[in-house]
C-alpha atoms as a PDB file:
ATOM      1  CA  MET A   1       0.116  -0.050  -0.052  1.00  0.00           C
ATOM      2  CA  GLN A   2       2.970   2.268   0.585  1.00  0.00           C
ATOM      3  CA  GLY A   3       4.133   1.996  -2.864  1.00  0.00           C
ATOM      4  CA  VAL A   4       0.700   2.923  -4.256  1.00  0.00           C
ATOM      5  CA  LEU A   5       0.491   6.091  -2.062  1.00  0.00           C
ATOM      6  CA  THR A   6       4.170   7.060  -2.777  1.00  0.00           C
ATOM      7  CA  GLY A   7       3.828   6.580  -6.534  1.00  0.00           C
ATOM      8  CA  PHE A   8       0.521   8.676  -6.772  1.00  0.00           C
ATOM      9  CA  ALA A   9       2.249  11.192  -4.474  1.00  0.00           C
ATOM     10  CA  VAL A  10       5.175  11.883  -6.694  1.00  0.00           C
ATOM     11  CA  ILE A  11       2.898  12.207  -9.614  1.00  0.00           C
ATOM     12  CA  ALA A  12       0.486  14.424  -7.971  1.00  0.00           C
ATOM     13  CA  VAL A  13       3.220  16.917  -6.615  1.00  0.00           C
ATOM     14  CA  VAL A  14       4.906  17.450 -10.088  1.00  0.00           C
ATOM     15  CA  ILE A  15       1.390  17.854 -11.858  1.00  0.00           C
ATOM     16  CA  ALA A  16       0.525  20.383  -9.103  1.00  0.00           C
ATOM     17  CA  VAL A  17       3.786  22.361  -9.999  1.00  0.00           C
ATOM     18  CA  GLY A  18       2.975  22.307 -13.582  1.00  0.00           C
ATOM     19  CA  TYR A  19      -0.490  23.853 -12.696  1.00  0.00           C
ATOM     20  CA  VAL A  20       1.112  26.582 -10.736  1.00  0.00           C
ATOM     21  CA  LEU A  21       3.362  27.338 -13.443  1.00  0.00           C
ATOM     22  CA  GLY A  22       0.435  27.663 -15.914  1.00  0.00           C
ATOM     23  CA  LEU A  23      -1.488  29.553 -13.476  1.00  0.00           C
ATOM     24  CA  ARG A  24       1.247  32.200 -12.953  1.00  0.00           C
ATOM     25  CA  GLY A  25       2.187  32.001 -16.674  1.00  0.00           C
ATOM     26  CA  HIS A  26       6.058  31.630 -15.873  1.00  0.00           C
ATOM     27  CA  LEU A  27       6.503  29.632 -19.077  1.00  0.00           C
ATOM     28  CA  GLY A  28       4.603  31.958 -21.349  1.00  0.00           C
ATOM     29  CA  PRO A  29       1.523  31.038 -23.463  1.00  0.00           C
ATOM     30  CA  GLN A  30       3.452  28.448 -25.490  1.00  0.00           C
ATOM     31  CA  GLY A  31       4.795  26.623 -22.220  1.00  0.00           C
ATOM     32  CA  ARG A  32       2.718  23.525 -22.733  1.00  0.00           C
ATOM     33  CA  GLU A  33       3.251  23.198 -26.360  1.00  0.00           C
ATOM     34  CA  VAL A  34       7.199  23.564 -25.968  1.00  0.00           C
ATOM     35  CA  LEU A  35       7.190  21.042 -23.222  1.00  0.00           C
ATOM     36  CA  THR A  36       5.104  18.640 -25.066  1.00  0.00           C
ATOM     37  CA  ARG A  37       7.352  18.882 -28.303  1.00  0.00           C
ATOM     38  CA  LEU A  38      10.444  18.424 -26.059  1.00  0.00           C
ATOM     39  CA  ALA A  39       8.948  15.182 -24.620  1.00  0.00           C
ATOM     40  CA  PHE A  40       7.810  13.830 -27.868  1.00  0.00           C
ATOM     41  CA  HIS A  41      10.565  14.649 -30.210  1.00  0.00           C
ATOM     42  CA  VAL A  42      13.633  14.597 -27.808  1.00  0.00           C
ATOM     43  CA  ALA A  43      13.214  13.322 -24.351  1.00  0.00           C
ATOM     44  CA  SER A  44      10.833  10.474 -24.808  1.00  0.00           C
ATOM     45  CA  PRO A  45      12.703   8.694 -27.721  1.00  0.00           C
ATOM     46  CA  ALA A  46      15.852   9.184 -25.673  1.00  0.00           C
ATOM     47  CA  LEU A  47      14.208   7.474 -22.527  1.00  0.00           C
ATOM     48  CA  LEU A  48      12.821   4.716 -24.732  1.00  0.00           C
ATOM     49  CA  PHE A  49      16.137   3.893 -26.087  1.00  0.00           C
ATOM     50  CA  THR A  50      18.082   3.913 -22.874  1.00  0.00           C
ATOM     51  CA  THR A  51      15.325   1.778 -21.281  1.00  0.00           C
ATOM     52  CA  LEU A  52      15.270  -0.924 -23.844  1.00  0.00           C
ATOM     53  CA  ALA A  53      18.908  -0.852 -24.783  1.00  0.00           C
ATOM     54  CA  THR A  54      19.724  -2.366 -21.474  1.00  0.00           C
ATOM     55  CA  ALA A  55      16.467  -4.563 -21.107  1.00  0.00           C
ATOM     56  CA  ASP A  56      16.422  -8.281 -20.978  1.00  0.00           C
ATOM     57  CA  LEU A  57      14.363  -9.019 -24.073  1.00  0.00           C
ATOM     58  CA  SER A  58      13.713 -12.629 -22.616  1.00  0.00           C
ATOM     59  CA  VAL A  59      10.853 -11.336 -20.610  1.00  0.00           C
ATOM     60  CA  VAL A  60       9.106 -10.970 -24.177  1.00  0.00           C
ATOM     61  CA  PHE A  61       8.276 -14.643 -24.012  1.00  0.00           C
ATOM     62  CA  SER A  62       7.154 -14.872 -20.430  1.00  0.00           C
ATOM     63  CA  SER A  63       3.462 -15.782 -19.458  1.00  0.00           C
ATOM     64  CA  ARG A  64       3.049 -12.292 -17.738  1.00  0.00           C
ATOM     65  CA  LEU A  65       3.689 -10.729 -21.307  1.00  0.00           C
ATOM     66  CA  LEU A  66       0.937 -12.807 -22.790  1.00  0.00           C
ATOM     67  CA  VAL A  67      -1.548 -11.832 -20.056  1.00  0.00           C
ATOM     68  CA  THR A  68      -0.598  -8.251 -20.553  1.00  0.00           C
ATOM     69  CA  ALA A  69      -0.888  -8.299 -24.284  1.00  0.00           C
ATOM     70  CA  LEU A  70      -4.276 -10.181 -24.219  1.00  0.00           C
ATOM     71  CA  SER A  71      -5.844  -7.794 -21.644  1.00  0.00           C
ATOM     72  CA  THR A  72      -4.637  -4.728 -23.644  1.00  0.00           C
ATOM     73  CA  VAL A  73      -5.875  -6.075 -26.857  1.00  0.00           C
ATOM     74  CA  ALA A  74      -9.319  -6.978 -25.202  1.00  0.00           C
ATOM     75  CA  VAL A  75      -9.994  -3.564 -23.649  1.00  0.00           C
ATOM     76  CA  ALA A  76      -8.585  -1.560 -26.472  1.00  0.00           C
ATOM     77  CA  GLY A  77     -10.562  -3.649 -29.034  1.00  0.00           C
ATOM     78  CA  PHE A  78     -13.774  -3.067 -27.159  1.00  0.00           C
ATOM     79  CA  PHE A  79     -13.347   0.660 -27.057  1.00  0.00           C
ATOM     80  CA  VAL A  80     -12.597   0.412 -30.811  1.00  0.00           C
ATOM     81  CA  ALA A  81     -15.560  -1.301 -31.536  1.00  0.00           C
ATOM     82  CA  VAL A  82     -17.680   1.050 -29.612  1.00  0.00           C
ATOM     83  CA  GLY A  83     -15.811   4.090 -31.313  1.00  0.00           C
ATOM     84  CA  VAL A  84     -16.626   2.681 -34.896  1.00  0.00           C
ATOM     85  CA  VAL A  85     -20.322   2.190 -33.992  1.00  0.00           C
ATOM     86  CA  ARG A  86     -20.480   5.782 -32.509  1.00  0.00           C
ATOM     87  CA  ARG A  87     -18.469   7.154 -35.188  1.00  0.00           C
ATOM     88  CA  TRP A  88     -15.994   8.830 -33.019  1.00  0.00           C
ATOM     89  CA  GLY A  89     -13.374   9.231 -35.850  1.00  0.00           C
ATOM     90  CA  VAL A  90     -10.003   7.218 -36.260  1.00  0.00           C
ATOM     91  CA  GLY A  91      -7.810   9.381 -34.300  1.00  0.00           C
ATOM     92  CA  ARG A  92     -10.123   9.962 -31.375  1.00  0.00           C
ATOM     93  CA  THR A  93     -10.863   6.211 -31.090  1.00  0.00           C
ATOM     94  CA  THR A  94      -7.120   5.527 -31.199  1.00  0.00           C
ATOM     95  CA  VAL A  95      -6.498   7.819 -28.383  1.00  0.00           C
ATOM     96  CA  GLY A  96      -9.470   6.404 -26.350  1.00  0.00           C
ATOM     97  CA  ALA A  97      -8.305   2.902 -27.038  1.00  0.00           C
ATOM     98  CA  LEU A  98      -4.755   3.801 -25.691  1.00  0.00           C
ATOM     99  CA  CYS A  99      -6.405   5.450 -22.545  1.00  0.00           C
ATOM    100  CA  SER A 100      -8.302   2.146 -22.032  1.00  0.00           C
ATOM    101  CA  GLY A 101      -5.377  -0.272 -22.028  1.00  0.00           C
ATOM    102  CA  TYR A 102      -2.112   1.545 -21.825  1.00  0.00           C
ATOM    103  CA  VAL A 103      -0.753   1.590 -18.312  1.00  0.00           C
ATOM    104  CA  ASN A 104       1.389   3.955 -16.532  1.00  0.00           C
ATOM    105  CA  SER A 105       4.310   1.432 -16.340  1.00  0.00           C
ATOM    106  CA  GLY A 106       7.124   3.986 -16.010  1.00  0.00           C
ATOM    107  CA  ASN A 107       6.905   6.829 -13.440  1.00  0.00           C
ATOM    108  CA  LEU A 108       4.246   5.059 -11.471  1.00  0.00           C
ATOM    109  CA  GLY A 109       4.496   1.419 -12.345  1.00  0.00           C
ATOM    110  CA  ILE A 110       8.185   1.260 -11.132  1.00  0.00           C
ATOM    111  CA  PRO A 111       7.802   2.560  -7.736  1.00  0.00           C
ATOM    112  CA  ILE A 112       4.687   0.440  -7.206  1.00  0.00           C
ATOM    113  CA  ALA A 113       6.594  -2.588  -8.521  1.00  0.00           C
ATOM    114  CA  VAL A 114       9.408  -1.767  -6.011  1.00  0.00           C
ATOM    115  CA  TYR A 115       7.099  -1.011  -2.966  1.00  0.00           C
ATOM    116  CA  VAL A 116       4.141  -3.399  -3.660  1.00  0.00           C
ATOM    117  CA  LEU A 117       5.730  -6.247  -5.681  1.00  0.00           C
ATOM    118  CA  GLY A 118       9.406  -5.870  -4.220  1.00  0.00           C
ATOM    119  CA  ASP A 119      11.027  -6.174  -7.712  1.00  0.00           C
ATOM    120  CA  ALA A 120      11.068  -3.206 -10.257  1.00  0.00           C
ATOM    121  CA  SER A 121      11.968  -5.746 -12.925  1.00  0.00           C
ATOM    122  CA  LEU A 122       8.429  -7.125 -12.726  1.00  0.00           C
ATOM    123  CA  VAL A 123       7.097  -4.181 -14.636  1.00  0.00           C
ATOM    124  CA  ALA A 124       9.598  -4.776 -17.523  1.00  0.00           C
ATOM    125  CA  PRO A 125       7.018  -7.041 -19.701  1.00  0.00           C
ATOM    126  CA  VAL A 126       4.297  -4.542 -19.788  1.00  0.00           C
ATOM    127  CA  LEU A 127       6.917  -1.836 -20.392  1.00  0.00           C
ATOM    128  CA  LEU A 128       8.518  -3.561 -23.237  1.00  0.00           C
ATOM    129  CA  PHE A 129       5.212  -4.473 -24.888  1.00  0.00           C
ATOM    130  CA  GLN A 130       3.877  -1.159 -24.851  1.00  0.00           C
ATOM    131  CA  LEU A 131       7.229   0.551 -25.966  1.00  0.00           C
ATOM    132  CA  VAL A 132       8.049  -2.048 -28.745  1.00  0.00           C
ATOM    133  CA  LEU A 133       4.700  -2.774 -30.185  1.00  0.00           C
ATOM    134  CA  VAL A 134       1.635  -0.632 -28.832  1.00  0.00           C
ATOM    135  CA  THR A 135       3.510   2.831 -29.186  1.00  0.00           C
ATOM    136  CA  PRO A 136       5.013   2.518 -32.738  1.00  0.00           C
ATOM    137  CA  ILE A 137       1.434   1.059 -33.980  1.00  0.00           C
ATOM    138  CA  ALA A 138      -0.689   3.737 -32.221  1.00  0.00           C
ATOM    139  CA  VAL A 139       1.567   6.752 -33.287  1.00  0.00           C
ATOM    140  CA  THR A 140       1.674   5.393 -36.695  1.00  0.00           C
ATOM    141  CA  VAL A 141      -2.200   5.321 -36.981  1.00  0.00           C
ATOM    142  CA  LEU A 142      -2.368   8.740 -35.549  1.00  0.00           C
ATOM    143  CA  ASP A 143       0.255   9.942 -38.069  1.00  0.00           C
ATOM    144  CA  LEU A 144      -1.893   8.421 -40.888  1.00  0.00           C
ATOM    145  CA  SER A 145      -5.365   9.632 -39.542  1.00  0.00           C
ATOM    146  CA  THR A 146      -4.139  13.077 -39.034  1.00  0.00           C
ATOM    147  CA  GLY A 147      -2.454  13.495 -42.471  1.00  0.00           C
ATOM    148  CA  GLY A 148       1.082  12.582 -41.797  1.00  0.00           C
ATOM    149  CA  GLY A 149       0.855   9.458 -43.765  1.00  0.00           C
ATOM    150  CA  LYS A 150      -0.317  11.179 -47.153  1.00  0.00           C
ATOM    151  CA  GLY A 151       1.769  10.704 -50.011  1.00  0.00           C
ATOM    152  CA  PRO A 152       3.356   7.808 -52.100  1.00  0.00           C
ATOM    153  CA  LEU A 153       2.896   4.204 -50.939  1.00  0.00           C
ATOM    154  CA  TRP A 154       6.459   3.746 -49.804  1.00  0.00           C
ATOM    155  CA  ARG A 155       6.186   6.951 -47.591  1.00  0.00           C
ATOM    156  CA  VAL A 156       3.211   5.679 -45.905  1.00  0.00           C
ATOM    157  CA  LEU A 157       4.870   2.412 -45.270  1.00  0.00           C
ATOM    158  CA  LEU A 158       7.844   3.892 -43.803  1.00  0.00           C
ATOM    159  CA  THR A 159       5.805   5.975 -41.384  1.00  0.00           C
ATOM    160  CA  PRO A 160       6.906   4.178 -38.322  1.00  0.00           C
ATOM    161  CA  LEU A 161      10.503   4.975 -39.213  1.00  0.00           C
ATOM    162  CA  ARG A 162       9.729   8.761 -39.417  1.00  0.00           C
ATOM    163  CA  ASN A 163       8.270   8.747 -35.886  1.00  0.00           C
ATOM    164  CA  PRO A 164      10.986   9.816 -33.029  1.00  0.00           C
ATOM    165  CA  ILE A 165       9.018   7.543 -30.426  1.00  0.00           C
ATOM    166  CA  ALA A 166       8.912   4.446 -32.743  1.00  0.00           C
ATOM    167  CA  LEU A 167      12.631   5.229 -33.700  1.00  0.00           C
ATOM    168  CA  GLY A 168      13.879   5.340 -30.090  1.00  0.00           C
ATOM    169  CA  SER A 169      12.084   2.179 -29.201  1.00  0.00           C
ATOM    170  CA  LEU A 170      13.191   0.288 -32.263  1.00  0.00           C
ATOM    171  CA  ALA A 171      16.851   1.518 -31.858  1.00  0.00           C
ATOM    172  CA  GLY A 172      16.743   0.394 -28.188  1.00  0.00           C
ATOM    173  CA  VAL A 173      15.517  -3.134 -29.203  1.00  0.00           C
ATOM    174  CA  ALA A 174      18.222  -3.439 -31.862  1.00  0.00           C
ATOM    175  CA  VAL A 175      20.953  -2.526 -29.244  1.00  0.00           C
ATOM    176  CA  ALA A 176      19.602  -4.886 -26.728  1.00  0.00           C
ATOM    177  CA  ALA A 177      19.177  -7.833 -29.375  1.00  0.00           C
ATOM    178  CA  SER A 178      22.532  -7.364 -30.735  1.00  0.00           C
ATOM    179  CA  GLY A 179      24.306  -7.483 -27.287  1.00  0.00           C
ATOM    180  CA  LEU A 180      26.338  -4.398 -28.033  1.00  0.00           C
ATOM    181  CA  ARG A 181      27.301  -2.108 -25.286  1.00  0.00           C
ATOM    182  CA  VAL A 182      26.798   1.740 -26.218  1.00  0.00           C
ATOM    183  CA  PRO A 183      29.835   3.705 -24.971  1.00  0.00           C
ATOM    184  CA  ASP A 184      29.386   5.771 -21.779  1.00  0.00           C
ATOM    185  CA  ALA A 185      30.272   8.822 -23.794  1.00  0.00           C
ATOM    186  CA  VAL A 186      27.132   8.225 -26.008  1.00  0.00           C
ATOM    187  CA  MET A 187      24.791   6.653 -23.300  1.00  0.00           C
ATOM    188  CA  ASP A 188      25.278   9.160 -20.494  1.00  0.00           C
ATOM    189  CA  PRO A 189      24.136  12.370 -22.334  1.00  0.00           C
ATOM    190  CA  VAL A 190      21.448  10.368 -23.939  1.00  0.00           C
ATOM    191  CA  THR A 191      20.283   9.119 -20.481  1.00  0.00           C
ATOM    192  CA  LEU A 192      20.546  12.649 -19.115  1.00  0.00           C
ATOM    193  CA  ILE A 193      18.223  13.894 -21.985  1.00  0.00           C
ATOM    194  CA  GLY A 194      15.766  10.955 -21.269  1.00  0.00           C
ATOM    195  CA  ASN A 195      15.501  11.866 -17.761  1.00  0.00           C
ATOM    196  CA  MET A 196      13.474  15.127 -18.886  1.00  0.00           C
ATOM    197  CA  SER A 197      10.687  12.975 -20.426  1.00  0.00           C
ATOM    198  CA  VAL A 198       8.788  12.211 -17.411  1.00  0.00           C
ATOM    199  CA  PRO A 199       8.911  15.557 -15.549  1.00  0.00           C
ATOM    200  CA  ALA A 200       8.151  17.391 -18.953  1.00  0.00           C
ATOM    201  CA  VAL A 201       5.051  15.104 -19.678  1.00  0.00           C
ATOM    202  CA  LEU A 202       3.693  15.741 -16.230  1.00  0.00           C
ATOM    203  CA  LEU A 203       4.492  19.386 -16.132  1.00  0.00           C
ATOM    204  CA  ALA A 204       2.755  19.942 -19.468  1.00  0.00           C
ATOM    205  CA  PHE A 205      -0.206  18.055 -18.261  1.00  0.00           C
ATOM    206  CA  GLY A 206      -0.521  20.301 -15.148  1.00  0.00           C
ATOM    207  CA  ILE A 207      -0.191  23.284 -17.270  1.00  0.00           C
ATOM    208  CA  GLY A 208      -2.898  21.784 -19.590  1.00  0.00           C
ATOM    209  CA  LEU A 209      -5.340  21.612 -16.363  1.00  0.00           C
ATOM    210  CA  CYS A 210      -5.309  25.390 -15.954  1.00  0.00           C
ATOM    211  CA  GLY A 211      -8.444  26.982 -17.185  1.00  0.00           C
ATOM    212  CA  SER A 212      -9.671  23.602 -18.317  1.00  0.00           C
ATOM    213  CA  THR A 213     -13.260  22.618 -17.705  1.00  0.00           C
ATOM    214  CA  VAL A 214     -14.372  19.888 -15.045  1.00  0.00           C
ATOM    215  CA  PRO A 215     -13.847  16.371 -16.300  1.00  0.00           C
ATOM    216  CA  LEU A 216     -16.767  14.127 -17.381  1.00  0.00           C
ATOM    217  CA  ARG A 217     -18.580  16.993 -18.969  1.00  0.00           C
ATOM    218  CA  GLY A 218     -19.317  17.994 -22.502  1.00  0.00           C
ATOM    219  CA  VAL A 219     -18.981  15.649 -25.846  1.00  0.00           C
ATOM    220  CA  GLU A 220     -16.062  13.847 -24.324  1.00  0.00           C
ATOM    221  CA  ARG A 221     -18.068  12.521 -21.421  1.00  0.00           C
ATOM    222  CA  ARG A 222     -19.124   8.980 -22.562  1.00  0.00           C
ATOM    223  CA  PRO A 223     -15.649   8.328 -24.309  1.00  0.00           C
ATOM    224  CA  VAL A 224     -13.893   9.206 -21.004  1.00  0.00           C
ATOM    225  CA  LEU A 225     -16.251   7.176 -18.814  1.00  0.00           C
ATOM    226  CA  LEU A 226     -15.888   4.161 -21.077  1.00  0.00           C
ATOM    227  CA  ALA A 227     -12.113   4.619 -21.266  1.00  0.00           C
ATOM    228  CA  VAL A 228     -11.838   4.893 -17.496  1.00  0.00           C
ATOM    229  CA  ALA A 229     -14.170   1.986 -16.881  1.00  0.00           C
ATOM    230  CA  LEU A 230     -11.953  -0.251 -19.025  1.00  0.00           C
ATOM    231  CA  LYS A 231      -8.739   0.914 -17.747  1.00  0.00           C
ATOM    232  CA  THR A 232      -9.523   0.732 -13.852  1.00  0.00           C
ATOM    233  CA  VAL A 233     -11.966  -2.255 -13.936  1.00  0.00           C
ATOM    234  CA  GLY A 234     -12.013  -3.967 -17.214  1.00  0.00           C
ATOM    235  CA  GLN A 235      -8.384  -4.493 -17.942  1.00  0.00           C
ATOM    236  CA  PRO A 236      -7.296  -5.708 -14.272  1.00  0.00           C
ATOM    237  CA  ALA A 237     -10.504  -8.027 -14.429  1.00  0.00           C
ATOM    238  CA  VAL A 238      -9.588  -9.662 -17.860  1.00  0.00           C
ATOM    239  CA  ALA A 239      -5.949  -9.896 -16.363  1.00  0.00           C
ATOM    240  CA  TRP A 240      -7.092 -11.688 -13.509  1.00  0.00           C
ATOM    241  CA  ALA A 241      -9.218 -14.068 -15.441  1.00  0.00           C
ATOM    242  CA  LEU A 242      -6.541 -14.856 -17.896  1.00  0.00           C
ATOM    243  CA  ALA A 243      -3.789 -15.230 -15.436  1.00  0.00           C
ATOM    244  CA  SER A 244      -5.645 -17.461 -12.993  1.00  0.00           C
ATOM    245  CA  GLY A 245      -8.016 -19.283 -15.312  1.00  0.00           C
ATOM    246  CA  VAL A 246      -5.913 -19.827 -18.547  1.00  0.00           C
ATOM    247  CA  PHE A 247      -2.191 -19.673 -17.432  1.00  0.00           C
ATOM    248  CA  GLY A 248      -2.749 -20.980 -13.929  1.00  0.00           C
ATOM    249  CA  LEU A 249      -0.847 -18.103 -12.263  1.00  0.00           C
ATOM    250  CA  ARG A 250      -1.099 -18.002  -8.505  1.00  0.00           C
ATOM    251  CA  GLY A 251       0.212 -16.025  -5.656  1.00  0.00           C
ATOM    252  CA  ALA A 252       2.995 -13.396  -6.154  1.00  0.00           C
ATOM    253  CA  GLN A 253       2.730 -14.055  -9.937  1.00  0.00           C
ATOM    254  CA  LEU A 254      -1.002 -13.586 -10.134  1.00  0.00           C
ATOM    255  CA  LEU A 255      -0.564 -10.275  -7.887  1.00  0.00           C
ATOM    256  CA  ASP A 256       1.958  -8.983 -10.393  1.00  0.00           C
ATOM    257  CA  VAL A 257       0.092  -9.144 -13.627  1.00  0.00           C
ATOM    258  CA  VAL A 258      -3.163  -7.860 -11.898  1.00  0.00           C
ATOM    259  CA  VAL A 259      -1.491  -4.792 -10.237  1.00  0.00           C
ATOM    260  CA  THR A 260       0.321  -3.708 -13.387  1.00  0.00           C
ATOM    261  CA  SER A 261      -2.843  -4.113 -15.199  1.00  0.00           C
ATOM    262  CA  ALA A 262      -4.655  -1.868 -12.718  1.00  0.00           C
ATOM    263  CA  LEU A 263      -2.471   0.828 -13.235  1.00  0.00           C
ATOM    264  CA  PRO A 264      -4.049   4.186 -14.543  1.00  0.00           C
ATOM    265  CA  ALA A 265      -3.593   5.431 -18.201  1.00  0.00           C
ATOM    266  CA  ALA A 266      -0.037   6.740 -18.781  1.00  0.00           C
ATOM    267  CA  GLN A 267       0.543  10.528 -18.923  1.00  0.00           C
ATOM    268  CA  ASN A 268       2.414  10.312 -21.983  1.00  0.00           C
ATOM    269  CA  LEU A 269      -0.782   9.675 -23.869  1.00  0.00           C
ATOM    270  CA  TYR A 270      -1.690  13.228 -23.584  1.00  0.00           C
ATOM    271  CA  THR A 271       1.722  14.042 -25.258  1.00  0.00           C
ATOM    272  CA  TYR A 272       0.591  11.930 -28.202  1.00  0.00           C
ATOM    273  CA  ALA A 273      -2.842  13.360 -28.366  1.00  0.00           C
ATOM    274  CA  SER A 274      -1.402  16.806 -28.086  1.00  0.00           C
ATOM    275  CA  THR A 275       1.253  16.287 -30.537  1.00  0.00           C
ATOM    276  CA  TYR A 276      -1.237  15.256 -33.113  1.00  0.00           C
ATOM    277  CA  GLY A 277      -3.987  17.563 -32.075  1.00  0.00           C
ATOM    278  CA  VAL A 278      -6.729  14.878 -31.678  1.00  0.00           C
ATOM    279  CA  GLY A 279      -8.475  13.717 -28.339  1.00  0.00           C
ATOM    280  CA  GLU A 280      -6.690  16.061 -26.282  1.00  0.00           C
ATOM    281  CA  ARG A 281      -9.543  16.529 -23.748  1.00  0.00           C
ATOM    282  CA  LEU A 282     -10.323  12.681 -24.071  1.00  0.00           C
ATOM    283  CA  ALA A 283      -6.909  11.924 -23.071  1.00  0.00           C
ATOM    284  CA  ARG A 284      -6.497  14.390 -20.433  1.00  0.00           C
ATOM    285  CA  ASP A 285      -9.798  13.625 -18.700  1.00  0.00           C
ATOM    286  CA  ALA A 286      -9.240   9.840 -18.896  1.00  0.00           C
ATOM    287  CA  ILE A 287      -5.722  10.089 -17.548  1.00  0.00           C
ATOM    288  CA  LEU A 288      -6.920  12.282 -14.584  1.00  0.00           C
ATOM    289  CA  VAL A 289      -9.999  10.355 -13.679  1.00  0.00           C
ATOM    290  CA  SER A 290      -8.266   6.944 -14.092  1.00  0.00           C
ATOM    291  CA  THR A 291      -5.352   7.956 -11.800  1.00  0.00           C
ATOM    292  CA  VAL A 292      -7.906   9.151  -8.967  1.00  0.00           C
ATOM    293  CA  VAL A 293      -9.892   5.849  -9.406  1.00  0.00           C
ATOM    294  CA  SER A 294      -7.221   3.518  -9.529  1.00  0.00           C
ATOM    295  CA  VAL A 295      -5.962   4.385  -6.130  1.00  0.00           C
ATOM    296  CA  PRO A 296      -8.796   2.451  -4.436  1.00  0.00           C
ATOM    297  CA  VAL A 297      -8.554  -0.368  -7.019  1.00  0.00           C
ATOM    298  CA  LEU A 298      -4.916  -0.818  -6.669  1.00  0.00           C
ATOM    299  CA  VAL A 299      -5.040  -0.813  -2.719  1.00  0.00           C
ATOM    300  CA  GLY A 300      -8.161  -3.361  -2.860  1.00  0.00           C
ATOM    301  CA  VAL A 301      -6.073  -5.651  -5.454  1.00  0.00           C
ATOM    302  CA  ALA A 302      -2.878  -5.514  -3.158  1.00  0.00           C
ATOM    303  CA  ALA A 303      -5.086  -6.217  -0.110  1.00  0.00           C
ATOM    304  CA  VAL A 304      -6.963  -9.171  -1.590  1.00  0.00           C
ATOM    305  CA  LEU A 305      -4.337 -10.882  -3.591  1.00  0.00           C
ATOM    306  CA  GLY A 306      -1.391  -9.755  -1.499  1.00  0.00           C
END
């Protein structure tokens, strides 16, 4: 329980700092946009590269990853189906699907893995799955749906290779798979730049809350409610059913996959939505509400399965 509260406290403080910065206008009218672009084009790719370049790729073949992948596909697929029926649009539906199944495995998942699960590496499967597969696919869809993929067929097919998030992920996986060691003279400055990613995302999120309307109102109310319900209740429920009923996981292993699945939507989803100018309020509200709702859910999961 301490890990849950600690993780959320860290996030809340940084977002609050961003809110104060926005309220006082210290970063100017373009502060949020600058931080968002910094995170998307520079800091986040650097963070993904350094994380994946030193990762143990053998976790890709673990049962935990299969549970994570299947539960993510299940809830994201459900949101997409509803989005198609309701005609919410490709970009907006993609953002909502991400908010339904893309967990905060980095700045919140790691401290919770340490304090609740006792091992930071236990969050690695979901982290790798999201960075290697979900992120490149999602940003490619957003790129194509917002006009970035217009042009010759070869240019459309190479869309993932023109996206900084996808490039950072793929480069990190390539280094890890090759077994090569990146010299410290290269890795150290990249690591330093990557360390700006999470603070920049959280500060931009906090600035974005200034002058914003109350969550769960307006045209985004239904998509937000659906995304939050799928993220905080649907995904951990599906993960529990798969882990215990299909893969036969028990005890600590069952707790691991359910806790990681119950994490709220990741803050970097707001960066993606803001960068492509689609579903920004949906992402902001879904992240905020799922973060609040996931606190009692995570505490309950830890109490029941722990």
